[in-house]
Amino acid sequence: MPSVVGLLEQYELAARRRVDGPREEADRIQAELAVAEQEWQEGAIARRRVDTVPAPDDGNTAGTEVTEDPRDADAPPESRAAAKPKSQVSVPVPVWREGLDGSVLSVDHQRILTTIADRQRLRQGALNCQELAVLFGLDAVPAKVEAPRSKAKRLVARVWLAEQQPGRFTLTPGLAGQDGVS
């Protein structure tokens, strides 16, 4: 007659085998899911980056769309005409080149360019982000200054503005030579 301990060991071994099979299957599925999610996110990021590249035509980027969150990549595109002047929709900023005027930029970016251009015309020097915020009617507190700062930094990255001293913005020399920043 088999001992009770022997029977319990056999029962434990059988139970472990029943658990190990599904556990291995679950681990395989989790790994496959992680790979699929990574590929999906990389594709969404790549598409967003391609959408921010300037168009080869006259710089008109009206047909492009930027999706902020990779999970929103399958959402239907919003038309740029539907965007409100103060909306949170991210409009791609094209790289500045000779002959491209400020009308291709969002309202907020145009406003920053115009303000800095006016300041330069009056020979008042570079502007910092706190001054921009105050000129736009915002409080000069970090939470309110961050929006003009990030927009100005994006304009620097796309060669519309220059930042010769940290946090002090002027027009790019080529843009400053143009008659109108509209």
C-alpha atoms as a PDB file:
ATOM      1  CA  MET A   1       0.000   0.000   0.000  1.00  0.00           C
ATOM      2  CA  PRO A   2       1.365   3.421  -0.956  1.00  0.00           C
ATOM      3  CA  SER A   3       2.153   5.818   1.807  1.00  0.00           C
ATOM      4  CA  VAL A   4       0.214   9.018   2.335  1.00  0.00           C
ATOM      5  CA  VAL A   5       3.376  11.064   1.773  1.00  0.00           C
ATOM      6  CA  GLY A   6       4.013   9.267  -1.524  1.00  0.00           C
ATOM      7  CA  LEU A   7       0.447   9.952  -2.689  1.00  0.00           C
ATOM      8  CA  LEU A   8       0.779  13.626  -1.743  1.00  0.00           C
ATOM      9  CA  GLU A   9       4.054  13.881  -3.672  1.00  0.00           C
ATOM     10  CA  GLN A  10       2.396  12.365  -6.760  1.00  0.00           C
ATOM     11  CA  TYR A  11      -0.569  14.757  -6.388  1.00  0.00           C
ATOM     12  CA  GLU A  12       1.820  17.735  -6.008  1.00  0.00           C
ATOM     13  CA  LEU A  13       3.838  16.694  -9.082  1.00  0.00           C
ATOM     14  CA  ALA A  14       0.678  16.362 -11.209  1.00  0.00           C
ATOM     15  CA  ALA A  15      -0.616  19.732 -10.005  1.00  0.00           C
ATOM     16  CA  ARG A  16       2.725  21.390 -10.771  1.00  0.00           C
ATOM     17  CA  ARG A  17       2.627  19.974 -14.329  1.00  0.00           C
ATOM     18  CA  ARG A  18      -0.918  21.314 -14.779  1.00  0.00           C
ATOM     19  CA  VAL A  19       0.257  24.774 -13.619  1.00  0.00           C
ATOM     20  CA  ASP A  20       3.512  24.823 -15.597  1.00  0.00           C
ATOM     21  CA  GLY A  21       1.831  24.321 -18.987  1.00  0.00           C
ATOM     22  CA  PRO A  22      -0.534  27.308 -18.795  1.00  0.00           C
ATOM     23  CA  ARG A  23       2.140  29.432 -17.073  1.00  0.00           C
ATOM     24  CA  GLU A  24       4.574  28.827 -19.974  1.00  0.00           C
ATOM     25  CA  GLU A  25       1.779  29.655 -22.435  1.00  0.00           C
ATOM     26  CA  ALA A  26       0.944  32.858 -20.522  1.00  0.00           C
ATOM     27  CA  ASP A  27       4.623  33.905 -20.494  1.00  0.00           C
ATOM     28  CA  ARG A  28       4.853  33.300 -24.252  1.00  0.00           C
ATOM     29  CA  ILE A  29       1.715  35.351 -24.895  1.00  0.00           C
ATOM     30  CA  GLN A  30       2.955  38.184 -22.616  1.00  0.00           C
ATOM     31  CA  ALA A  31       6.268  38.310 -24.511  1.00  0.00           C
ATOM     32  CA  GLU A  32       4.457  38.306 -27.863  1.00  0.00           C
ATOM     33  CA  LEU A  33       2.132  41.074 -26.640  1.00  0.00           C
ATOM     34  CA  ALA A  34       5.095  43.197 -25.473  1.00  0.00           C
ATOM     35  CA  VAL A  35       6.775  42.862 -28.884  1.00  0.00           C
ATOM     36  CA  ALA A  36       3.555  43.736 -30.728  1.00  0.00           C
ATOM     37  CA  GLU A  37       2.923  46.805 -28.516  1.00  0.00           C
ATOM     38  CA  GLN A  38       6.509  48.000 -29.040  1.00  0.00           C
ATOM     39  CA  GLU A  39       6.174  47.680 -32.835  1.00  0.00           C
ATOM     40  CA  TRP A  40       2.851  49.533 -32.739  1.00  0.00           C
ATOM     41  CA  GLN A  41       4.293  52.398 -30.676  1.00  0.00           C
ATOM     42  CA  GLU A  42       7.406  52.650 -32.876  1.00  0.00           C
ATOM     43  CA  GLY A  43       5.204  52.836 -35.966  1.00  0.00           C
ATOM     44  CA  ALA A  44       3.084  55.591 -34.434  1.00  0.00           C
ATOM     45  CA  ILE A  45       6.199  57.527 -33.399  1.00  0.00           C
ATOM     46  CA  ALA A  46       7.720  57.138 -36.864  1.00  0.00           C
ATOM     47  CA  ARG A  47       4.510  58.395 -38.486  1.00  0.00           C
ATOM     48  CA  ARG A  48       4.420  61.411 -36.146  1.00  0.00           C
ATOM     49  CA  ARG A  49       8.016  62.241 -36.971  1.00  0.00           C
ATOM     50  CA  VAL A  50       7.403  61.938 -40.706  1.00  0.00           C
ATOM     51  CA  ASP A  51       4.367  64.217 -40.337  1.00  0.00           C
ATOM     52  CA  THR A  52       6.602  66.945 -38.900  1.00  0.00           C
ATOM     53  CA  VAL A  53       9.009  66.931 -41.850  1.00  0.00           C
ATOM     54  CA  PRO A  54       8.360  69.972 -44.079  1.00  0.00           C
ATOM     55  CA  ALA A  55       6.487  69.270 -47.266  1.00  0.00           C
ATOM     56  CA  PRO A  56       8.563  69.383 -50.480  1.00  0.00           C
ATOM     57  CA  ASP A  57       6.202  71.963 -52.026  1.00  0.00           C
ATOM     58  CA  ASP A  58       5.996  75.601 -50.943  1.00  0.00           C
ATOM     59  CA  GLY A  59       6.149  74.641 -47.270  1.00  0.00           C
ATOM     60  CA  ASN A  60       2.384  74.271 -46.917  1.00  0.00           C
ATOM     61  CA  THR A  61       1.860  71.760 -44.139  1.00  0.00           C
ATOM     62  CA  ALA A  62      -1.906  72.172 -43.878  1.00  0.00           C
ATOM     63  CA  GLY A  63      -2.561  68.528 -44.738  1.00  0.00           C
ATOM     64  CA  THR A  64      -0.313  67.111 -42.062  1.00  0.00           C
ATOM     65  CA  GLU A  65      -1.391  65.943 -38.654  1.00  0.00           C
ATOM     66  CA  VAL A  66       0.516  65.248 -35.463  1.00  0.00           C
ATOM     67  CA  THR A  67      -0.883  62.816 -32.932  1.00  0.00           C
ATOM     68  CA  GLU A  68       0.420  63.435 -29.442  1.00  0.00           C
ATOM     69  CA  ASP A  69      -0.232  60.005 -27.973  1.00  0.00           C
ATOM     70  CA  PRO A  70       0.629  56.775 -29.832  1.00  0.00           C
ATOM     71  CA  ARG A  71      -2.632  55.301 -28.537  1.00  0.00           C
ATOM     72  CA  ASP A  72      -4.452  58.025 -30.528  1.00  0.00           C
ATOM     73  CA  ALA A  73      -2.740  56.996 -33.770  1.00  0.00           C
ATOM     74  CA  ASP A  74      -5.890  55.268 -35.030  1.00  0.00           C
ATOM     75  CA  ALA A  75      -8.115  58.263 -34.242  1.00  0.00           C
ATOM     76  CA  PRO A  76      -9.579  60.083 -37.247  1.00  0.00           C
ATOM     77  CA  PRO A  77      -7.487  63.109 -38.312  1.00  0.00           C
ATOM     78  CA  GLU A  78      -8.809  66.538 -37.419  1.00  0.00           C
ATOM     79  CA  SER A  79      -8.762  69.200 -40.064  1.00  0.00           C
ATOM     80  CA  ARG A  80      -6.452  72.102 -39.349  1.00  0.00           C
ATOM     81  CA  ALA A  81      -9.200  74.555 -40.224  1.00  0.00           C
ATOM     82  CA  ALA A  82     -11.200  73.262 -37.278  1.00  0.00           C
ATOM     83  CA  ALA A  83      -8.450  74.165 -34.807  1.00  0.00           C
ATOM     84  CA  LYS A  84      -9.189  77.148 -32.622  1.00  0.00           C
ATOM     85  CA  PRO A  85      -6.517  79.843 -32.249  1.00  0.00           C
ATOM     86  CA  LYS A  86      -5.811  78.821 -28.638  1.00  0.00           C
ATOM     87  CA  SER A  87      -6.324  75.083 -29.113  1.00  0.00           C
ATOM     88  CA  GLN A  88      -4.029  72.390 -27.756  1.00  0.00           C
ATOM     89  CA  VAL A  89      -3.652  70.734 -31.189  1.00  0.00           C
ATOM     90  CA  SER A  90       0.039  70.492 -32.025  1.00  0.00           C
ATOM     91  CA  VAL A  91       0.739  71.944 -35.461  1.00  0.00           C
ATOM     92  CA  PRO A  92       4.067  70.968 -36.987  1.00  0.00           C
ATOM     93  CA  VAL A  93       6.554  73.803 -37.293  1.00  0.00           C
ATOM     94  CA  PRO A  94       8.355  73.644 -40.639  1.00  0.00           C
ATOM     95  CA  VAL A  95      12.055  74.410 -40.805  1.00  0.00           C
ATOM     96  CA  TRP A  96      12.542  78.023 -41.890  1.00  0.00           C
ATOM     97  CA  ARG A  97      14.079  78.610 -45.308  1.00  0.00           C
ATOM     98  CA  GLU A  98      14.455  81.625 -47.567  1.00  0.00           C
ATOM     99  CA  GLY A  99      11.084  82.842 -48.852  1.00  0.00           C
ATOM    100  CA  LEU A 100       8.995  81.047 -46.207  1.00  0.00           C
ATOM    101  CA  ASP A 101       6.934  83.484 -44.151  1.00  0.00           C
ATOM    102  CA  GLY A 102       5.294  83.158 -40.765  1.00  0.00           C
ATOM    103  CA  SER A 103       1.822  82.485 -42.186  1.00  0.00           C
ATOM    104  CA  VAL A 104       2.636  78.741 -42.261  1.00  0.00           C
ATOM    105  CA  LEU A 105       2.879  78.723 -38.457  1.00  0.00           C
ATOM    106  CA  SER A 106       0.172  78.362 -35.846  1.00  0.00           C
ATOM    107  CA  VAL A 107      -1.402  81.493 -34.389  1.00  0.00           C
ATOM    108  CA  ASP A 108       0.642  81.205 -31.186  1.00  0.00           C
ATOM    109  CA  HIS A 109       3.923  80.793 -33.051  1.00  0.00           C
ATOM    110  CA  GLN A 110       3.064  83.765 -35.306  1.00  0.00           C
ATOM    111  CA  ARG A 111       2.321  85.826 -32.227  1.00  0.00           C
ATOM    112  CA  ILE A 112       5.724  85.033 -30.726  1.00  0.00           C
ATOM    113  CA  LEU A 113       7.502  85.871 -34.000  1.00  0.00           C
ATOM    114  CA  THR A 114       5.615  89.144 -34.392  1.00  0.00           C
ATOM    115  CA  THR A 115       6.304  90.175 -30.804  1.00  0.00           C
ATOM    116  CA  ILE A 116      10.025  89.469 -31.126  1.00  0.00           C
ATOM    117  CA  ALA A 117      10.169  91.154 -34.549  1.00  0.00           C
ATOM    118  CA  ASP A 118       8.489  94.274 -33.113  1.00  0.00           C
ATOM    119  CA  ARG A 119      10.962  94.273 -30.242  1.00  0.00           C
ATOM    120  CA  GLN A 120      13.890  94.067 -32.677  1.00  0.00           C
ATOM    121  CA  ARG A 121      12.478  96.828 -34.896  1.00  0.00           C
ATOM    122  CA  LEU A 122      12.396  99.057 -31.820  1.00  0.00           C
ATOM    123  CA  ARG A 123      15.972  97.959 -31.004  1.00  0.00           C
ATOM    124  CA  GLN A 124      14.950  96.723 -27.564  1.00  0.00           C
ATOM    125  CA  GLY A 125      16.991  93.524 -27.654  1.00  0.00           C
ATOM    126  CA  ALA A 126      16.150  89.899 -27.056  1.00  0.00           C
ATOM    127  CA  LEU A 127      13.091  88.737 -25.118  1.00  0.00           C
ATOM    128  CA  ASN A 128      12.953  86.086 -22.444  1.00  0.00           C
ATOM    129  CA  CYS A 129       9.983  83.832 -21.786  1.00  0.00           C
ATOM    130  CA  GLN A 130       8.744  85.723 -18.733  1.00  0.00           C
ATOM    131  CA  GLU A 131       8.588  88.919 -20.789  1.00  0.00           C
ATOM    132  CA  LEU A 132       6.730  87.050 -23.542  1.00  0.00           C
ATOM    133  CA  ALA A 133       4.221  85.694 -21.027  1.00  0.00           C
ATOM    134  CA  VAL A 134       3.597  89.171 -19.578  1.00  0.00           C
ATOM    135  CA  LEU A 135       3.214  90.673 -23.071  1.00  0.00           C
ATOM    136  CA  PHE A 136       0.627  87.968 -23.823  1.00  0.00           C
ATOM    137  CA  GLY A 137      -1.314  88.846 -20.668  1.00  0.00           C
ATOM    138  CA  LEU A 138      -0.191  85.839 -18.635  1.00  0.00           C
ATOM    139  CA  ASP A 139       1.206  85.802 -15.127  1.00  0.00           C
ATOM    140  CA  ALA A 140       4.989  85.444 -14.951  1.00  0.00           C
ATOM    141  CA  VAL A 141       4.765  82.213 -12.944  1.00  0.00           C
ATOM    142  CA  PRO A 142       6.478  78.993 -14.085  1.00  0.00           C
ATOM    143  CA  ALA A 143       3.239  77.242 -15.042  1.00  0.00           C
ATOM    144  CA  LYS A 144       2.203  80.101 -17.339  1.00  0.00           C
ATOM    145  CA  VAL A 145       5.704  80.764 -18.731  1.00  0.00           C
ATOM    146  CA  GLU A 146       6.206  77.160 -19.860  1.00  0.00           C
ATOM    147  CA  ALA A 147       3.892  77.387 -22.908  1.00  0.00           C
ATOM    148  CA  PRO A 148       5.697  80.375 -24.500  1.00  0.00           C
ATOM    149  CA  ARG A 149       9.044  78.784 -23.560  1.00  0.00           C
ATOM    150  CA  SER A 150       8.290  75.478 -25.279  1.00  0.00           C
ATOM    151  CA  LYS A 151       6.950  77.253 -28.373  1.00  0.00           C
ATOM    152  CA  ALA A 152      10.004  79.546 -28.526  1.00  0.00           C
ATOM    153  CA  LYS A 153      12.332  76.543 -28.131  1.00  0.00           C
ATOM    154  CA  ARG A 154      10.502  74.765 -30.965  1.00  0.00           C
ATOM    155  CA  LEU A 155      10.968  77.868 -33.132  1.00  0.00           C
ATOM    156  CA  VAL A 156      14.690  77.848 -32.262  1.00  0.00           C
ATOM    157  CA  ALA A 157      14.927  74.172 -33.226  1.00  0.00           C
ATOM    158  CA  ARG A 158      13.260  74.965 -36.561  1.00  0.00           C
ATOM    159  CA  VAL A 159      15.534  77.999 -37.188  1.00  0.00           C
ATOM    160  CA  TRP A 160      12.823  80.683 -36.923  1.00  0.00           C
ATOM    161  CA  LEU A 161      14.368  82.118 -33.757  1.00  0.00           C
ATOM    162  CA  ALA A 162      17.893  82.323 -32.381  1.00  0.00           C
ATOM    163  CA  GLU A 163      18.867  81.850 -28.756  1.00  0.00           C
ATOM    164  CA  GLN A 164      22.265  83.511 -28.498  1.00  0.00           C
ATOM    165  CA  GLN A 165      22.054  83.627 -24.700  1.00  0.00           C
ATOM    166  CA  PRO A 166      20.178  80.952 -22.776  1.00  0.00           C
ATOM    167  CA  GLY A 167      16.530  81.948 -22.490  1.00  0.00           C
ATOM    168  CA  ARG A 168      16.881  85.136 -24.601  1.00  0.00           C
ATOM    169  CA  PHE A 169      15.234  84.927 -28.032  1.00  0.00           C
ATOM    170  CA  THR A 170      15.739  86.953 -31.221  1.00  0.00           C
ATOM    171  CA  LEU A 171      14.791  86.402 -34.835  1.00  0.00           C
ATOM    172  CA  THR A 172      17.134  84.295 -36.937  1.00  0.00           C
ATOM    173  CA  PRO A 173      19.403  86.673 -38.878  1.00  0.00           C
ATOM    174  CA  GLY A 174      17.946  85.608 -42.268  1.00  0.00           C
ATOM    175  CA  LEU A 175      14.376  86.059 -41.003  1.00  0.00           C
ATOM    176  CA  ALA A 176      15.230  89.402 -39.387  1.00  0.00           C
ATOM    177  CA  GLY A 177      16.344  90.670 -42.782  1.00  0.00           C
ATOM    178  CA  GLN A 178      12.921  90.015 -44.344  1.00  0.00           C
ATOM    179  CA  ASP A 179      10.461  92.888 -44.455  1.00  0.00           C
ATOM    180  CA  GLY A 180       7.502  91.156 -42.878  1.00  0.00           C
ATOM    181  CA  VAL A 181       6.970  88.423 -40.400  1.00  0.00           C
ATOM    182  CA  SER A 182       3.321  87.694 -40.926  1.00  0.00           C
END
